[in-house]
Amino acid sequence: MTRFSVMTLFPEMIDSAAGVSILSRASDRGLISIESVNIRDYTANKHGRVDDYTYGGGAGMLMQAQPIYDCYRAIVGEGAAPRVIYVTPQGETFTQQMAVDLAKEDHLIFLCGHYEGVDERVLQTIVTDQISIGDYVLTGGELPALVMIDAIARNIPGVLNNDTSTDYESFSDGLLEYPQYSRPEEWMGMKVPEILISGDHAKVDAWRHQESLKRTKVRRPDLYEAYIKLHPDEDTH
């Protein structure tokens, strides 16, 4: 079982998302566990404060080191130190390959910041990875943490009903996913491509690959160029 621990000021956000859909079913089946741990429970301040003014001045408040560290120690206990991911726009951009790699870990801790961020000293003490989900700023780290947990969990064996489905999703081979169709065969004058109802699986696979190439070239030329460098014979020109 893969354990996800989320250090947060808003555990209800984590609990709500973890209680529905694929994450909930995976948890019920004992494949993953998602625990939200309230950082406020570890502050010595009688009013539950976990933030203070920044040295050197500046706008906003900063999350203090000690409550976060004590929260972390409570999660880890006497066990081995797991990877700790600090969710920050300053981090390395999250990718599908990261999700695949992180899915191999037994325990991951996510630190969700708020206000103007987190005291640098606790980051240096406990954080192993700083990761961003994009070049923009959100109110807190809970939503990005959930995005990453969802993406990681999908790559844990047994979480998806069809374990082969991740092999064909966007980014699994460096390309965007091909177009897909369901019943009826014709809808509002638009027909399902004949090749998909031909029954010829080899031709279907070839068509899907070509469509992935075309779609990636138009929508994500950066991904297309990276793919073609590794597979120059597949250039669609």
C-alpha atoms as a PDB file:
ATOM      1  CA  MET A   1       0.000   0.000   0.000  1.00  0.00           C
ATOM      2  CA  THR A   2       1.192   3.493  -0.870  1.00  0.00           C
ATOM      3  CA  ARG A   3       0.733   6.044   1.884  1.00  0.00           C
ATOM      4  CA  PHE A   4       0.129   9.715   1.129  1.00  0.00           C
ATOM      5  CA  SER A   5       0.428  12.146   4.054  1.00  0.00           C
ATOM      6  CA  VAL A   6      -0.539  15.783   3.524  1.00  0.00           C
ATOM      7  CA  MET A   7       0.608  18.466   5.966  1.00  0.00           C
ATOM      8  CA  THR A   8      -1.965  21.213   5.624  1.00  0.00           C
ATOM      9  CA  LEU A   9      -3.885  24.011   7.297  1.00  0.00           C
ATOM     10  CA  PHE A  10      -7.091  22.886   5.549  1.00  0.00           C
ATOM     11  CA  PRO A  11      -7.464  19.115   5.997  1.00  0.00           C
ATOM     12  CA  GLU A  12     -11.090  19.230   4.906  1.00  0.00           C
ATOM     13  CA  MET A  13      -9.959  20.030   1.362  1.00  0.00           C
ATOM     14  CA  ILE A  14      -7.860  16.884   1.233  1.00  0.00           C
ATOM     15  CA  ASP A  15     -10.450  14.697   2.936  1.00  0.00           C
ATOM     16  CA  SER A  16     -13.200  15.826   0.588  1.00  0.00           C
ATOM     17  CA  ALA A  17     -11.294  14.950  -2.586  1.00  0.00           C
ATOM     18  CA  ALA A  18      -9.940  11.706  -1.150  1.00  0.00           C
ATOM     19  CA  GLY A  19     -13.465  10.509  -0.402  1.00  0.00           C
ATOM     20  CA  VAL A  20     -14.727  10.268  -3.987  1.00  0.00           C
ATOM     21  CA  SER A  21     -14.035   8.543  -7.292  1.00  0.00           C
ATOM     22  CA  ILE A  22     -10.878   6.554  -8.032  1.00  0.00           C
ATOM     23  CA  LEU A  23      -8.987   7.732  -4.939  1.00  0.00           C
ATOM     24  CA  SER A  24     -11.796   6.608  -2.662  1.00  0.00           C
ATOM     25  CA  ARG A  25     -12.118   3.213  -4.322  1.00  0.00           C
ATOM     26  CA  ALA A  26      -8.357   2.649  -4.212  1.00  0.00           C
ATOM     27  CA  SER A  27      -8.363   3.510  -0.521  1.00  0.00           C
ATOM     28  CA  ASP A  28     -11.276   1.153   0.182  1.00  0.00           C
ATOM     29  CA  ARG A  29      -9.367  -1.642  -1.552  1.00  0.00           C
ATOM     30  CA  GLY A  30      -6.266  -1.025   0.565  1.00  0.00           C
ATOM     31  CA  LEU A  31      -4.104   0.066  -2.359  1.00  0.00           C
ATOM     32  CA  ILE A  32      -3.473   3.580  -1.054  1.00  0.00           C
ATOM     33  CA  SER A  33      -4.094   5.632   2.067  1.00  0.00           C
ATOM     34  CA  ILE A  34      -4.487   9.402   2.142  1.00  0.00           C
ATOM     35  CA  GLU A  35      -4.194  11.164   5.469  1.00  0.00           C
ATOM     36  CA  SER A  36      -4.507  14.872   6.086  1.00  0.00           C
ATOM     37  CA  VAL A  37      -2.555  16.176   9.071  1.00  0.00           C
ATOM     38  CA  ASN A  38      -3.416  19.602  10.441  1.00  0.00           C
ATOM     39  CA  ILE A  39      -0.273  21.646  11.058  1.00  0.00           C
ATOM     40  CA  ARG A  40      -2.178  23.754  13.589  1.00  0.00           C
ATOM     41  CA  ASP A  41      -2.348  20.740  15.886  1.00  0.00           C
ATOM     42  CA  TYR A  42       1.404  21.104  16.413  1.00  0.00           C
ATOM     43  CA  THR A  43       1.738  24.770  17.281  1.00  0.00           C
ATOM     44  CA  ALA A  44       2.607  25.895  20.788  1.00  0.00           C
ATOM     45  CA  ASN A  45       0.630  29.096  20.280  1.00  0.00           C
ATOM     46  CA  LYS A  46      -2.531  29.040  22.396  1.00  0.00           C
ATOM     47  CA  HIS A  47      -4.490  30.710  19.599  1.00  0.00           C
ATOM     48  CA  GLY A  48      -3.440  28.111  17.046  1.00  0.00           C
ATOM     49  CA  ARG A  49      -1.257  30.473  15.047  1.00  0.00           C
ATOM     50  CA  VAL A  50       1.333  28.950  12.768  1.00  0.00           C
ATOM     51  CA  ASP A  51       2.514  32.125  11.023  1.00  0.00           C
ATOM     52  CA  ASP A  52       4.466  35.261  11.902  1.00  0.00           C
ATOM     53  CA  TYR A  53       6.002  38.338  10.309  1.00  0.00           C
ATOM     54  CA  THR A  54       9.031  37.911   8.070  1.00  0.00           C
ATOM     55  CA  TYR A  55      12.461  39.160   9.095  1.00  0.00           C
ATOM     56  CA  GLY A  56      13.545  42.056   6.928  1.00  0.00           C
ATOM     57  CA  GLY A  57      10.019  43.287   6.431  1.00  0.00           C
ATOM     58  CA  GLY A  58       7.682  42.766   3.523  1.00  0.00           C
ATOM     59  CA  ALA A  59       4.030  42.097   2.941  1.00  0.00           C
ATOM     60  CA  GLY A  60       2.228  39.097   4.352  1.00  0.00           C
ATOM     61  CA  MET A  61       2.949  36.430   6.919  1.00  0.00           C
ATOM     62  CA  LEU A  62       5.191  33.377   6.799  1.00  0.00           C
ATOM     63  CA  MET A  63       4.491  29.859   8.055  1.00  0.00           C
ATOM     64  CA  GLN A  64       6.816  29.071  10.969  1.00  0.00           C
ATOM     65  CA  ALA A  65       9.295  26.227  10.987  1.00  0.00           C
ATOM     66  CA  GLN A  66       8.561  24.554  14.342  1.00  0.00           C
ATOM     67  CA  PRO A  67       4.889  23.563  13.849  1.00  0.00           C
ATOM     68  CA  ILE A  68       5.716  22.110  10.433  1.00  0.00           C
ATOM     69  CA  TYR A  69       8.699  20.199  11.772  1.00  0.00           C
ATOM     70  CA  ASP A  70       6.743  18.798  14.714  1.00  0.00           C
ATOM     71  CA  CYS A  71       3.944  17.792  12.345  1.00  0.00           C
ATOM     72  CA  TYR A  72       6.480  16.029  10.149  1.00  0.00           C
ATOM     73  CA  ARG A  73       8.026  14.189  13.108  1.00  0.00           C
ATOM     74  CA  ALA A  74       4.576  13.010  14.214  1.00  0.00           C
ATOM     75  CA  ILE A  75       3.933  11.542  10.766  1.00  0.00           C
ATOM     76  CA  VAL A  76       7.302   9.845  10.401  1.00  0.00           C
ATOM     77  CA  GLY A  77       7.644   8.604  13.970  1.00  0.00           C
ATOM     78  CA  GLU A  78      10.514   6.142  14.290  1.00  0.00           C
ATOM     79  CA  GLY A  79      10.251   4.976  10.695  1.00  0.00           C
ATOM     80  CA  ALA A  80      12.520   5.746   7.763  1.00  0.00           C
ATOM     81  CA  ALA A  81      12.349   9.276   6.414  1.00  0.00           C
ATOM     82  CA  PRO A  82      10.170   9.338   3.269  1.00  0.00           C
ATOM     83  CA  ARG A  83      10.360  11.799   0.412  1.00  0.00           C
ATOM     84  CA  VAL A  84       8.801  15.138   1.345  1.00  0.00           C
ATOM     85  CA  ILE A  85       7.354  17.223  -1.475  1.00  0.00           C
ATOM     86  CA  TYR A  86       6.958  20.949  -0.957  1.00  0.00           C
ATOM     87  CA  VAL A  87       4.315  22.264  -3.314  1.00  0.00           C
ATOM     88  CA  THR A  88       5.631  25.554  -4.712  1.00  0.00           C
ATOM     89  CA  PRO A  89       5.596  27.518  -7.992  1.00  0.00           C
ATOM     90  CA  GLN A  90       9.382  27.758  -7.591  1.00  0.00           C
ATOM     91  CA  GLY A  91       9.773  23.993  -7.938  1.00  0.00           C
ATOM     92  CA  GLU A  92      10.461  21.699 -10.871  1.00  0.00           C
ATOM     93  CA  THR A  93       7.426  21.332 -13.115  1.00  0.00           C
ATOM     94  CA  PHE A  94       5.433  18.164 -12.480  1.00  0.00           C
ATOM     95  CA  THR A  95       5.353  15.661 -15.350  1.00  0.00           C
ATOM     96  CA  GLN A  96       3.881  12.265 -16.131  1.00  0.00           C
ATOM     97  CA  GLN A  97       7.315  10.703 -15.710  1.00  0.00           C
ATOM     98  CA  MET A  98       7.515  12.164 -12.203  1.00  0.00           C
ATOM     99  CA  ALA A  99       4.126  10.604 -11.445  1.00  0.00           C
ATOM    100  CA  VAL A 100       5.370   7.218 -12.634  1.00  0.00           C
ATOM    101  CA  ASP A 101       8.559   7.475 -10.581  1.00  0.00           C
ATOM    102  CA  LEU A 102       6.830   8.681  -7.417  1.00  0.00           C
ATOM    103  CA  ALA A 103       4.296   5.850  -7.673  1.00  0.00           C
ATOM    104  CA  LYS A 104       7.141   3.490  -6.755  1.00  0.00           C
ATOM    105  CA  GLU A 105       7.498   5.071  -3.288  1.00  0.00           C
ATOM    106  CA  ASP A 106       5.901   3.456  -0.235  1.00  0.00           C
ATOM    107  CA  HIS A 107       5.264   6.760   1.532  1.00  0.00           C
ATOM    108  CA  LEU A 108       5.100  10.346   0.289  1.00  0.00           C
ATOM    109  CA  ILE A 109       4.580  13.467   2.388  1.00  0.00           C
ATOM    110  CA  PHE A 110       3.231  16.680   0.855  1.00  0.00           C
ATOM    111  CA  LEU A 111       3.774  20.039   2.526  1.00  0.00           C
ATOM    112  CA  CYS A 112       1.135  22.613   1.570  1.00  0.00           C
ATOM    113  CA  GLY A 113       2.195  26.200   2.076  1.00  0.00           C
ATOM    114  CA  HIS A 114       0.032  29.278   2.621  1.00  0.00           C
ATOM    115  CA  TYR A 115       0.406  33.019   3.159  1.00  0.00           C
ATOM    116  CA  GLU A 116       3.800  34.155   1.817  1.00  0.00           C
ATOM    117  CA  GLY A 117       5.286  30.681   2.032  1.00  0.00           C
ATOM    118  CA  VAL A 118       7.313  28.682   4.537  1.00  0.00           C
ATOM    119  CA  ASP A 119      10.372  29.445   6.666  1.00  0.00           C
ATOM    120  CA  GLU A 120      13.369  28.411   4.568  1.00  0.00           C
ATOM    121  CA  ARG A 121      14.996  26.562   7.454  1.00  0.00           C
ATOM    122  CA  VAL A 122      12.354  23.860   7.708  1.00  0.00           C
ATOM    123  CA  LEU A 123      12.458  23.403   3.940  1.00  0.00           C
ATOM    124  CA  GLN A 124      16.185  22.766   4.189  1.00  0.00           C
ATOM    125  CA  THR A 125      15.616  20.344   7.064  1.00  0.00           C
ATOM    126  CA  ILE A 126      12.853  18.054   5.813  1.00  0.00           C
ATOM    127  CA  VAL A 127      12.034  18.693   2.134  1.00  0.00           C
ATOM    128  CA  THR A 128      13.508  16.409  -0.517  1.00  0.00           C
ATOM    129  CA  ASP A 129      11.579  17.665  -3.579  1.00  0.00           C
ATOM    130  CA  GLN A 130      10.136  21.036  -4.562  1.00  0.00           C
ATOM    131  CA  ILE A 131       7.525  20.611  -7.278  1.00  0.00           C
ATOM    132  CA  SER A 132       5.199  22.950  -9.184  1.00  0.00           C
ATOM    133  CA  ILE A 133       2.149  22.109 -11.287  1.00  0.00           C
ATOM    134  CA  GLY A 134       2.597  25.204 -13.443  1.00  0.00           C
ATOM    135  CA  ASP A 135       3.811  28.752 -13.739  1.00  0.00           C
ATOM    136  CA  TYR A 136       1.089  30.423 -11.724  1.00  0.00           C
ATOM    137  CA  VAL A 137       0.322  31.095  -8.072  1.00  0.00           C
ATOM    138  CA  LEU A 138      -2.564  29.598  -6.075  1.00  0.00           C
ATOM    139  CA  THR A 139      -3.857  30.451  -2.620  1.00  0.00           C
ATOM    140  CA  GLY A 140      -2.371  27.321  -1.090  1.00  0.00           C
ATOM    141  CA  GLY A 141      -0.754  23.997  -1.840  1.00  0.00           C
ATOM    142  CA  GLU A 142      -3.749  21.721  -1.293  1.00  0.00           C
ATOM    143  CA  LEU A 143      -5.069  21.721  -4.860  1.00  0.00           C
ATOM    144  CA  PRO A 144      -1.644  21.073  -6.433  1.00  0.00           C
ATOM    145  CA  ALA A 145      -1.012  18.312  -3.885  1.00  0.00           C
ATOM    146  CA  LEU A 146      -4.284  16.653  -4.846  1.00  0.00           C
ATOM    147  CA  VAL A 147      -3.434  16.954  -8.538  1.00  0.00           C
ATOM    148  CA  MET A 148      -0.155  15.160  -7.942  1.00  0.00           C
ATOM    149  CA  ILE A 149      -1.662  12.511  -5.671  1.00  0.00           C
ATOM    150  CA  ASP A 150      -4.289  11.718  -8.300  1.00  0.00           C
ATOM    151  CA  ALA A 151      -1.683  11.480 -11.073  1.00  0.00           C
ATOM    152  CA  ILE A 152       0.633   9.333  -8.938  1.00  0.00           C
ATOM    153  CA  ALA A 153      -2.123   7.019  -7.700  1.00  0.00           C
ATOM    154  CA  ARG A 154      -3.190   6.202 -11.267  1.00  0.00           C
ATOM    155  CA  ASN A 155       0.222   4.603 -11.793  1.00  0.00           C
ATOM    156  CA  ILE A 156      -0.004   2.304  -8.780  1.00  0.00           C
ATOM    157  CA  PRO A 157      -0.850  -1.258  -9.877  1.00  0.00           C
ATOM    158  CA  GLY A 158      -4.489  -2.122  -9.317  1.00  0.00           C
ATOM    159  CA  VAL A 159      -5.763   1.434  -8.806  1.00  0.00           C
ATOM    160  CA  LEU A 160      -7.310   1.599 -12.273  1.00  0.00           C
ATOM    161  CA  ASN A 161      -9.707  -1.164 -13.253  1.00  0.00           C
ATOM    162  CA  ASN A 162      -7.753  -1.647 -16.475  1.00  0.00           C
ATOM    163  CA  ASP A 163      -4.058  -1.423 -15.664  1.00  0.00           C
ATOM    164  CA  THR A 164      -3.163  -1.156 -19.362  1.00  0.00           C
ATOM    165  CA  SER A 165      -5.153   2.056 -19.806  1.00  0.00           C
ATOM    166  CA  THR A 166      -2.288   4.249 -18.611  1.00  0.00           C
ATOM    167  CA  ASP A 167      -0.171   2.898 -21.455  1.00  0.00           C
ATOM    168  CA  TYR A 168      -2.295   4.798 -23.964  1.00  0.00           C
ATOM    169  CA  GLU A 169      -2.942   8.060 -22.149  1.00  0.00           C
ATOM    170  CA  SER A 170      -1.431  11.404 -23.078  1.00  0.00           C
ATOM    171  CA  PHE A 171       2.287  11.713 -22.223  1.00  0.00           C
ATOM    172  CA  SER A 172       2.726   7.953 -21.640  1.00  0.00           C
ATOM    173  CA  ASP A 173       4.985   7.750 -24.716  1.00  0.00           C
ATOM    174  CA  GLY A 174       5.775  11.441 -25.038  1.00  0.00           C
ATOM    175  CA  LEU A 175       2.770  12.151 -27.269  1.00  0.00           C
ATOM    176  CA  LEU A 176      -0.763  13.407 -26.720  1.00  0.00           C
ATOM    177  CA  GLU A 177      -3.536  10.846 -26.797  1.00  0.00           C
ATOM    178  CA  TYR A 178      -5.312  10.091 -30.084  1.00  0.00           C
ATOM    179  CA  PRO A 179      -9.015  11.027 -30.629  1.00  0.00           C
ATOM    180  CA  GLN A 180     -11.550   8.539 -29.302  1.00  0.00           C
ATOM    181  CA  TYR A 181     -15.155   7.714 -30.182  1.00  0.00           C
ATOM    182  CA  SER A 182     -18.100   5.805 -28.715  1.00  0.00           C
ATOM    183  CA  ARG A 183     -21.613   4.885 -29.858  1.00  0.00           C
ATOM    184  CA  PRO A 184     -23.525   5.830 -31.949  1.00  0.00           C
ATOM    185  CA  GLU A 185     -21.471   5.469 -35.133  1.00  0.00           C
ATOM    186  CA  GLU A 186     -22.964   8.714 -36.454  1.00  0.00           C
ATOM    187  CA  TRP A 187     -23.837  11.743 -34.345  1.00  0.00           C
ATOM    188  CA  MET A 188     -24.957  15.137 -35.687  1.00  0.00           C
ATOM    189  CA  GLY A 189     -23.693  14.154 -39.127  1.00  0.00           C
ATOM    190  CA  MET A 190     -20.243  13.167 -37.870  1.00  0.00           C
ATOM    191  CA  LYS A 191     -19.167   9.556 -38.356  1.00  0.00           C
ATOM    192  CA  VAL A 192     -16.682   7.408 -36.487  1.00  0.00           C
ATOM    193  CA  PRO A 193     -13.590   6.868 -38.693  1.00  0.00           C
ATOM    194  CA  GLU A 194     -14.039   3.676 -40.712  1.00  0.00           C
ATOM    195  CA  ILE A 195     -10.724   2.244 -39.562  1.00  0.00           C
ATOM    196  CA  LEU A 196     -11.972   2.055 -35.957  1.00  0.00           C
ATOM    197  CA  ILE A 197     -14.851  -0.260 -36.882  1.00  0.00           C
ATOM    198  CA  SER A 198     -12.826  -2.352 -39.323  1.00  0.00           C
ATOM    199  CA  GLY A 199     -11.774  -4.953 -36.782  1.00  0.00           C
ATOM    200  CA  ASP A 200      -8.184  -4.755 -38.009  1.00  0.00           C
ATOM    201  CA  HIS A 201      -6.299  -4.146 -34.753  1.00  0.00           C
ATOM    202  CA  ALA A 202      -2.939  -3.559 -36.419  1.00  0.00           C
ATOM    203  CA  LYS A 203      -4.402  -0.852 -38.646  1.00  0.00           C
ATOM    204  CA  VAL A 204      -6.251   0.669 -35.691  1.00  0.00           C
ATOM    205  CA  ASP A 205      -3.015   0.873 -33.699  1.00  0.00           C
ATOM    206  CA  ALA A 206      -1.198   2.457 -36.644  1.00  0.00           C
ATOM    207  CA  TRP A 207      -4.020   4.998 -37.135  1.00  0.00           C
ATOM    208  CA  ARG A 208      -4.024   5.916 -33.461  1.00  0.00           C
ATOM    209  CA  HIS A 209      -0.285   6.462 -33.460  1.00  0.00           C
ATOM    210  CA  GLN A 210      -0.455   8.712 -36.509  1.00  0.00           C
ATOM    211  CA  GLU A 211      -3.291  10.716 -34.962  1.00  0.00           C
ATOM    212  CA  SER A 212      -1.249  11.120 -31.793  1.00  0.00           C
ATOM    213  CA  LEU A 213       1.645  12.443 -33.867  1.00  0.00           C
ATOM    214  CA  LYS A 214      -0.596  14.898 -35.718  1.00  0.00           C
ATOM    215  CA  ARG A 215      -2.326  16.128 -32.581  1.00  0.00           C
ATOM    216  CA  THR A 216       0.929  16.576 -30.690  1.00  0.00           C
ATOM    217  CA  LYS A 217       2.533  18.465 -33.580  1.00  0.00           C
ATOM    218  CA  VAL A 218      -0.347  20.967 -33.649  1.00  0.00           C
ATOM    219  CA  ARG A 219      -1.114  21.333 -29.947  1.00  0.00           C
ATOM    220  CA  ARG A 220       2.260  20.725 -28.293  1.00  0.00           C
ATOM    221  CA  PRO A 221       5.077  21.311 -30.805  1.00  0.00           C
ATOM    222  CA  ASP A 222       7.573  21.202 -27.941  1.00  0.00           C
ATOM    223  CA  LEU A 223       6.610  17.608 -27.158  1.00  0.00           C
ATOM    224  CA  TYR A 224       6.554  16.726 -30.837  1.00  0.00           C
ATOM    225  CA  GLU A 225      10.065  18.041 -31.413  1.00  0.00           C
ATOM    226  CA  ALA A 226      11.384  16.134 -28.408  1.00  0.00           C
ATOM    227  CA  TYR A 227       9.729  12.941 -29.654  1.00  0.00           C
ATOM    228  CA  ILE A 228      11.046  13.324 -33.206  1.00  0.00           C
ATOM    229  CA  LYS A 229      14.585  13.746 -31.934  1.00  0.00           C
ATOM    230  CA  LEU A 230      14.292  10.210 -30.578  1.00  0.00           C
ATOM    231  CA  HIS A 231      12.261   8.903 -33.545  1.00  0.00           C
ATOM    232  CA  PRO A 232      13.378  10.933 -36.621  1.00  0.00           C
ATOM    233  CA  ASP A 233      11.870   8.422 -39.060  1.00  0.00           C
ATOM    234  CA  GLU A 234       8.361   9.296 -37.811  1.00  0.00           C
ATOM    235  CA  ASP A 235       8.448  12.991 -38.731  1.00  0.00           C
ATOM    236  CA  THR A 236       5.114  13.901 -40.374  1.00  0.00           C
ATOM    237  CA  HIS A 237       6.635  16.979 -42.114  1.00  0.00           C
END
